[in-house]
C-alpha atoms as a PDB file:
ATOM      1  CA  UNK A   1     191.382  99.342 139.224  1.00  0.00           C
ATOM      2  CA  UNK A   2     189.430 100.716 135.913  1.00  0.00           C
ATOM      3  CA  UNK A   3     191.566  97.947 133.721  1.00  0.00           C
ATOM      4  CA  UNK A   4     190.590  95.352 135.830  1.00  0.00           C
ATOM      5  CA  UNK A   5     186.947  96.304 136.068  1.00  0.00           C
ATOM      6  CA  UNK A   6     186.835  96.227 132.285  1.00  0.00           C
ATOM      7  CA  UNK A   7     188.529  92.939 132.074  1.00  0.00           C
ATOM      8  CA  UNK A   8     186.164  91.401 134.192  1.00  0.00           C
ATOM      9  CA  UNK A   9     183.361  92.677 132.612  1.00  0.00           C
ATOM     10  CA  UNK A  10     184.342  91.667 129.423  1.00  0.00           C
ATOM     11  CA  UNK A  11     185.723  88.302 130.944  1.00  0.00           C
ATOM     12  CA  UNK A  12     181.746  87.906 132.100  1.00  0.00           C
ATOM     13  CA  UNK A  13     180.856  89.086 129.046  1.00  0.00           C
ATOM     14  CA  UNK A  14     182.837  86.254 127.063  1.00  0.00           C
ATOM     15  CA  UNK A  15     181.465  83.444 129.565  1.00  0.00           C
ATOM     16  CA  UNK A  16     178.040  84.566 128.762  1.00  0.00           C
ATOM     17  CA  UNK A  17     178.045  84.495 125.127  1.00  0.00           C
ATOM     18  CA  UNK A  18     179.931  81.102 124.922  1.00  0.00           C
ATOM     19  CA  UNK A  19     177.056  79.762 127.382  1.00  0.00           C
ATOM     20  CA  UNK A  20     174.481  80.729 125.106  1.00  0.00           C
ATOM     21  CA  UNK A  21     176.065  79.998 122.043  1.00  0.00           C
ATOM     22  CA  UNK A  22     176.650  76.229 123.748  1.00  0.00           C
ATOM     23  CA  UNK A  23     172.629  76.006 125.001  1.00  0.00           C
ATOM     24  CA  UNK A  24     171.670  77.175 121.435  1.00  0.00           C
ATOM     25  CA  UNK A  25     173.795  74.569 119.736  1.00  0.00           C
ATOM     26  CA  UNK A  26     172.656  71.935 122.251  1.00  0.00           C
ATOM     27  CA  UNK A  27     168.661  72.957 121.944  1.00  0.00           C
ATOM     28  CA  UNK A  28     169.139  72.612 118.155  1.00  0.00           C
ATOM     29  CA  UNK A  29     170.977  69.436 118.458  1.00  0.00           C
ATOM     30  CA  UNK A  30     168.114  68.059 120.528  1.00  0.00           C
ATOM     31  CA  UNK A  31     165.416  68.754 117.951  1.00  0.00           C
ATOM     32  CA  UNK A  32     167.517  68.031 115.153  1.00  0.00           C
ATOM     33  CA  UNK A  33     167.493  64.170 116.937  1.00  0.00           C
ATOM     34  CA  UNK A  34     164.217  64.527 118.006  1.00  0.00           C
ATOM     35  CA  UNK A  35     165.399  64.123 121.685  1.00  0.00           C
ATOM     36  CA  UNK A  36     162.309  66.054 123.264  1.00  0.00           C
ATOM     37  CA  UNK A  37     162.622  65.402 126.799  1.00  0.00           C
ATOM     38  CA  UNK A  38     166.463  66.691 126.790  1.00  0.00           C
ATOM     39  CA  UNK A  39     165.482  69.504 124.630  1.00  0.00           C
ATOM     40  CA  UNK A  40     162.557  70.418 127.305  1.00  0.00           C
ATOM     41  CA  UNK A  41     164.853  69.667 130.302  1.00  0.00           C
ATOM     42  CA  UNK A  42     167.752  72.042 129.198  1.00  0.00           C
ATOM     43  CA  UNK A  43     164.865  75.023 128.460  1.00  0.00           C
ATOM     44  CA  UNK A  44     163.792  74.505 131.964  1.00  0.00           C
ATOM     45  CA  UNK A  45     167.233  74.719 133.656  1.00  0.00           C
ATOM     46  CA  UNK A  46     168.337  77.999 135.211  1.00  0.00           C
ATOM     47  CA  UNK A  47     171.679  78.669 133.009  1.00  0.00           C
ATOM     48  CA  UNK A  48     168.976  78.665 130.142  1.00  0.00           C
ATOM     49  CA  UNK A  49     166.979  80.795 131.655  1.00  0.00           C
ATOM     50  CA  UNK A  50     169.716  82.988 132.479  1.00  0.00           C
ATOM     51  CA  UNK A  51     171.566  83.483 129.361  1.00  0.00           C
ATOM     52  CA  UNK A  52     167.832  82.964 126.633  1.00  0.00           C
ATOM     53  CA  UNK A  53     165.576  85.794 126.828  1.00  0.00           C
ATOM     54  CA  UNK A  54     162.198  84.329 128.212  1.00  0.00           C
ATOM     55  CA  UNK A  55     160.027  85.051 124.873  1.00  0.00           C
ATOM     56  CA  UNK A  56     162.872  82.844 123.119  1.00  0.00           C
ATOM     57  CA  UNK A  57     162.315  79.839 125.913  1.00  0.00           C
ATOM     58  CA  UNK A  58     159.056  80.407 124.972  1.00  0.00           C
ATOM     59  CA  UNK A  59     159.067  80.518 121.106  1.00  0.00           C
ATOM     60  CA  UNK A  60     161.830  77.414 121.018  1.00  0.00           C
ATOM     61  CA  UNK A  61     159.304  75.713 123.007  1.00  0.00           C
ATOM     62  CA  UNK A  62     156.240  76.102 120.536  1.00  0.00           C
ATOM     63  CA  UNK A  63     159.146  74.650 117.816  1.00  0.00           C
ATOM     64  CA  UNK A  64     159.138  71.385 119.400  1.00  0.00           C
ATOM     65  CA  UNK A  65     155.926  70.815 119.875  1.00  0.00           C
ATOM     66  CA  UNK A  66     154.747  71.521 116.324  1.00  0.00           C
ATOM     67  CA  UNK A  67     157.432  69.061 115.440  1.00  0.00           C
ATOM     68  CA  UNK A  68     155.445  66.576 117.919  1.00  0.00           C
ATOM     69  CA  UNK A  69     152.044  67.869 116.235  1.00  0.00           C
ATOM     70  CA  UNK A  70     150.995  68.555 119.842  1.00  0.00           C
ATOM     71  CA  UNK A  71     147.829  70.794 118.896  1.00  0.00           C
ATOM     72  CA  UNK A  72     146.880  71.531 122.798  1.00  0.00           C
ATOM     73  CA  UNK A  73     150.568  73.055 123.403  1.00  0.00           C
ATOM     74  CA  UNK A  74     151.153  74.894 120.379  1.00  0.00           C
ATOM     75  CA  UNK A  75     147.785  76.577 120.716  1.00  0.00           C
ATOM     76  CA  UNK A  76     148.376  77.120 124.460  1.00  0.00           C
ATOM     77  CA  UNK A  77     151.906  78.913 123.294  1.00  0.00           C
ATOM     78  CA  UNK A  78     150.740  80.620 120.721  1.00  0.00           C
ATOM     79  CA  UNK A  79     148.231  82.228 122.965  1.00  0.00           C
ATOM     80  CA  UNK A  80     150.763  82.655 125.765  1.00  0.00           C
ATOM     81  CA  UNK A  81     153.384  84.288 122.704  1.00  0.00           C
ATOM     82  CA  UNK A  82     150.866  86.309 121.808  1.00  0.00           C
ATOM     83  CA  UNK A  83     150.731  88.027 124.576  1.00  0.00           C
ATOM     84  CA  UNK A  84     154.237  88.223 125.279  1.00  0.00           C
ATOM     85  CA  UNK A  85     156.420  91.423 125.369  1.00  0.00           C
ATOM     86  CA  UNK A  86     158.110  91.024 122.043  1.00  0.00           C
ATOM     87  CA  UNK A  87     159.408  93.595 119.389  1.00  0.00           C
ATOM     88  CA  UNK A  88     157.691  94.293 115.975  1.00  0.00           C
ATOM     89  CA  UNK A  89     159.815  91.457 114.279  1.00  0.00           C
ATOM     90  CA  UNK A  90     158.763  88.820 116.587  1.00  0.00           C
ATOM     91  CA  UNK A  91     155.496  90.120 116.544  1.00  0.00           C
ATOM     92  CA  UNK A  92     155.234  89.769 112.446  1.00  0.00           C
ATOM     93  CA  UNK A  93     157.076  86.552 112.434  1.00  0.00           C
ATOM     94  CA  UNK A  94     154.556  84.854 115.073  1.00  0.00           C
ATOM     95  CA  UNK A  95     151.538  85.895 113.457  1.00  0.00           C
ATOM     96  CA  UNK A  96     152.420  84.682 109.921  1.00  0.00           C
ATOM     97  CA  UNK A  97     153.838  81.646 111.719  1.00  0.00           C
ATOM     98  CA  UNK A  98     150.283  81.518 113.944  1.00  0.00           C
ATOM     99  CA  UNK A  99     148.151  82.273 110.640  1.00  0.00           C
ATOM    100  CA  UNK A 100     150.386  79.902 108.446  1.00  0.00           C
ATOM    101  CA  UNK A 101     149.502  76.855 111.105  1.00  0.00           C
ATOM    102  CA  UNK A 102     145.900  77.425 111.376  1.00  0.00           C
ATOM    103  CA  UNK A 103     145.125  77.808 107.621  1.00  0.00           C
ATOM    104  CA  UNK A 104     147.164  74.359 107.398  1.00  0.00           C
ATOM    105  CA  UNK A 105     144.649  73.318 110.064  1.00  0.00           C
ATOM    106  CA  UNK A 106     141.561  74.922 108.995  1.00  0.00           C
ATOM    107  CA  UNK A 107     140.839  76.332 111.989  1.00  0.00           C
ATOM    108  CA  UNK A 108     138.686  79.522 110.526  1.00  0.00           C
ATOM    109  CA  UNK A 109     138.368  81.248 114.023  1.00  0.00           C
ATOM    110  CA  UNK A 110     141.863  80.717 114.895  1.00  0.00           C
ATOM    111  CA  UNK A 111     142.847  82.104 111.373  1.00  0.00           C
ATOM    112  CA  UNK A 112     140.537  85.461 111.926  1.00  0.00           C
ATOM    113  CA  UNK A 113     141.761  85.976 115.500  1.00  0.00           C
ATOM    114  CA  UNK A 114     145.524  86.176 113.912  1.00  0.00           C
ATOM    115  CA  UNK A 115     144.324  88.402 111.115  1.00  0.00           C
ATOM    116  CA  UNK A 116     142.944  90.583 113.500  1.00  0.00           C
ATOM    117  CA  UNK A 117     146.214  90.797 115.441  1.00  0.00           C
ATOM    118  CA  UNK A 118     148.220  91.514 111.990  1.00  0.00           C
ATOM    119  CA  UNK A 119     146.137  94.586 111.018  1.00  0.00           C
ATOM    120  CA  UNK A 120     148.125  96.431 113.695  1.00  0.00           C
ATOM    121  CA  UNK A 121     151.068  95.675 112.153  1.00  0.00           C
ATOM    122  CA  UNK A 122     151.454  94.230 108.683  1.00  0.00           C
ATOM    123  CA  UNK A 123     151.078  96.578 105.734  1.00  0.00           C
ATOM    124  CA  UNK A 124     148.285  96.402 102.857  1.00  0.00           C
ATOM    125  CA  UNK A 125     149.650  94.409 101.084  1.00  0.00           C
ATOM    126  CA  UNK A 126     150.324  91.141 103.522  1.00  0.00           C
ATOM    127  CA  UNK A 127     147.231  91.488 105.092  1.00  0.00           C
ATOM    128  CA  UNK A 128     145.346  91.326 101.612  1.00  0.00           C
ATOM    129  CA  UNK A 129     147.211  88.186 100.702  1.00  0.00           C
ATOM    130  CA  UNK A 130     146.447  86.671 104.005  1.00  0.00           C
ATOM    131  CA  UNK A 131     143.013  87.504 103.802  1.00  0.00           C
ATOM    132  CA  UNK A 132     142.809  85.833 100.485  1.00  0.00           C
ATOM    133  CA  UNK A 133     144.402  82.756 101.951  1.00  0.00           C
ATOM    134  CA  UNK A 134     141.971  82.506 105.168  1.00  0.00           C
ATOM    135  CA  UNK A 135     138.656  83.232 102.730  1.00  0.00           C
ATOM    136  CA  UNK A 136     139.909  80.941 100.120  1.00  0.00           C
ATOM    137  CA  UNK A 137     141.589  77.775 101.895  1.00  0.00           C
ATOM    138  CA  UNK A 138     139.757  77.970 105.553  1.00  0.00           C
ATOM    139  CA  UNK A 139     136.605  79.898 104.550  1.00  0.00           C
ATOM    140  CA  UNK A 140     135.674  78.009 100.935  1.00  0.00           C
ATOM    141  CA  UNK A 141     134.787  81.242  99.118  1.00  0.00           C
ATOM    142  CA  UNK A 142     135.114  81.669  95.450  1.00  0.00           C
ATOM    143  CA  UNK A 143     134.741  85.829  95.149  1.00  0.00           C
ATOM    144  CA  UNK A 144     138.250  86.864  93.968  1.00  0.00           C
ATOM    145  CA  UNK A 145     138.365  84.957  90.852  1.00  0.00           C
ATOM    146  CA  UNK A 146     138.057  87.422  88.255  1.00  0.00           C
ATOM    147  CA  UNK A 147     140.214  89.962  90.216  1.00  0.00           C
ATOM    148  CA  UNK A 148     143.179  87.384  90.830  1.00  0.00           C
ATOM    149  CA  UNK A 149     143.033  86.497  86.580  1.00  0.00           C
ATOM    150  CA  UNK A 150     143.394  90.460  85.957  1.00  0.00           C
ATOM    151  CA  UNK A 151     146.298  90.490  88.474  1.00  0.00           C
ATOM    152  CA  UNK A 152     148.306  87.650  87.154  1.00  0.00           C
ATOM    153  CA  UNK A 153     149.144  90.078  84.328  1.00  0.00           C
ATOM    154  CA  UNK A 154     150.846  92.116  86.766  1.00  0.00           C
ATOM    155  CA  UNK A 155     152.426  90.017  89.757  1.00  0.00           C
ATOM    156  CA  UNK A 156     155.963  89.058  89.301  1.00  0.00           C
ATOM    157  CA  UNK A 157     156.933  85.826  87.932  1.00  0.00           C
ATOM    158  CA  UNK A 158     157.593  84.303  91.370  1.00  0.00           C
ATOM    159  CA  UNK A 159     154.461  84.955  92.176  1.00  0.00           C
ATOM    160  CA  UNK A 160     152.469  83.528  89.439  1.00  0.00           C
ATOM    161  CA  UNK A 161     152.071  80.079  90.881  1.00  0.00           C
ATOM    162  CA  UNK A 162     150.753  81.352  94.174  1.00  0.00           C
ATOM    163  CA  UNK A 163     147.840  82.750  92.417  1.00  0.00           C
ATOM    164  CA  UNK A 164     147.352  79.764  90.110  1.00  0.00           C
ATOM    165  CA  UNK A 165     146.993  77.751  93.255  1.00  0.00           C
ATOM    166  CA  UNK A 166     144.571  79.928  94.525  1.00  0.00           C
ATOM    167  CA  UNK A 167     142.052  80.264  91.365  1.00  0.00           C
ATOM    168  CA  UNK A 168     142.635  76.618  91.848  1.00  0.00           C
ATOM    169  CA  UNK A 169     141.205  76.173  95.204  1.00  0.00           C
ATOM    170  CA  UNK A 170     138.841  78.701  93.996  1.00  0.00           C
ATOM    171  CA  UNK A 171     137.656  76.972  91.340  1.00  0.00           C
ATOM    172  CA  UNK A 172     137.375  73.654  93.330  1.00  0.00           C
ATOM    173  CA  UNK A 173     135.536  75.614  95.951  1.00  0.00           C
ATOM    174  CA  UNK A 174     132.605  76.281  93.662  1.00  0.00           C
ATOM    175  CA  UNK A 175     132.824  72.591  92.205  1.00  0.00           C
ATOM    176  CA  UNK A 176     134.222  73.773  88.930  1.00  0.00           C
ATOM    177  CA  UNK A 177     136.700  71.126  88.358  1.00  0.00           C
ATOM    178  CA  UNK A 178     137.414  71.667  84.538  1.00  0.00           C
ATOM    179  CA  UNK A 179     139.028  75.158  85.508  1.00  0.00           C
ATOM    180  CA  UNK A 180     140.571  74.003  88.485  1.00  0.00           C
ATOM    181  CA  UNK A 181     142.159  71.472  86.637  1.00  0.00           C
ATOM    182  CA  UNK A 182     143.582  73.776  84.196  1.00  0.00           C
ATOM    183  CA  UNK A 183     145.175  75.976  87.108  1.00  0.00           C
ATOM    184  CA  UNK A 184     146.123  73.488  88.505  1.00  0.00           C
ATOM    185  CA  UNK A 185     148.039  72.474  85.258  1.00  0.00           C
ATOM    186  CA  UNK A 186     149.377  75.785  84.876  1.00  0.00           C
ATOM    187  CA  UNK A 187     150.851  75.816  88.633  1.00  0.00           C
ATOM    188  CA  UNK A 188     152.603  72.527  87.282  1.00  0.00           C
ATOM    189  CA  UNK A 189     154.163  73.686  84.131  1.00  0.00           C
ATOM    190  CA  UNK A 190     155.394  77.033  86.120  1.00  0.00           C
ATOM    191  CA  UNK A 191     157.175  74.726  88.828  1.00  0.00           C
ATOM    192  CA  UNK A 192     158.476  72.311  85.802  1.00  0.00           C
ATOM    193  CA  UNK A 193     160.070  75.350  84.256  1.00  0.00           C
ATOM    194  CA  UNK A 194     162.047  76.670  87.291  1.00  0.00           C
END
């Protein structure tokens, strides 16, 4: 009897995992083909809701909305996902993704909301870099030029183009186009070497 029960559980597990893999592959294919109607329809089926965690379903919707640039739905999904139960890795991923999205949109209010959320789960260095990005790229500040120039001597080779770019943007923020061009060229030269 025990062997029979174990066999049934094992069979159920195999079917469950197979269905989960099948649904994930279909969802990915729908996104790759930009078949958004089929994508959202599959996400709303009972079988998808049985084999996929609720957070993952909502995160996948976010992916679809972002591919379609549906700003209102994206805002709603970020709000929903911020409140949803998630693990630390999911939280960090969501916060970084949201911050980058709102930096690209130059939405200062939302950027600062995400920065506030990040304080609880991100390390000091990540927070400092995220704050630089918002202050420089969204809020138009230029008060970190000297600090960043000094750091250029100690950052890794892979971080240098980021610093060149941020210094360039700060010079642009204070309308010093000569120095902005200098750092734009340094960034381009670094990319050409790689």
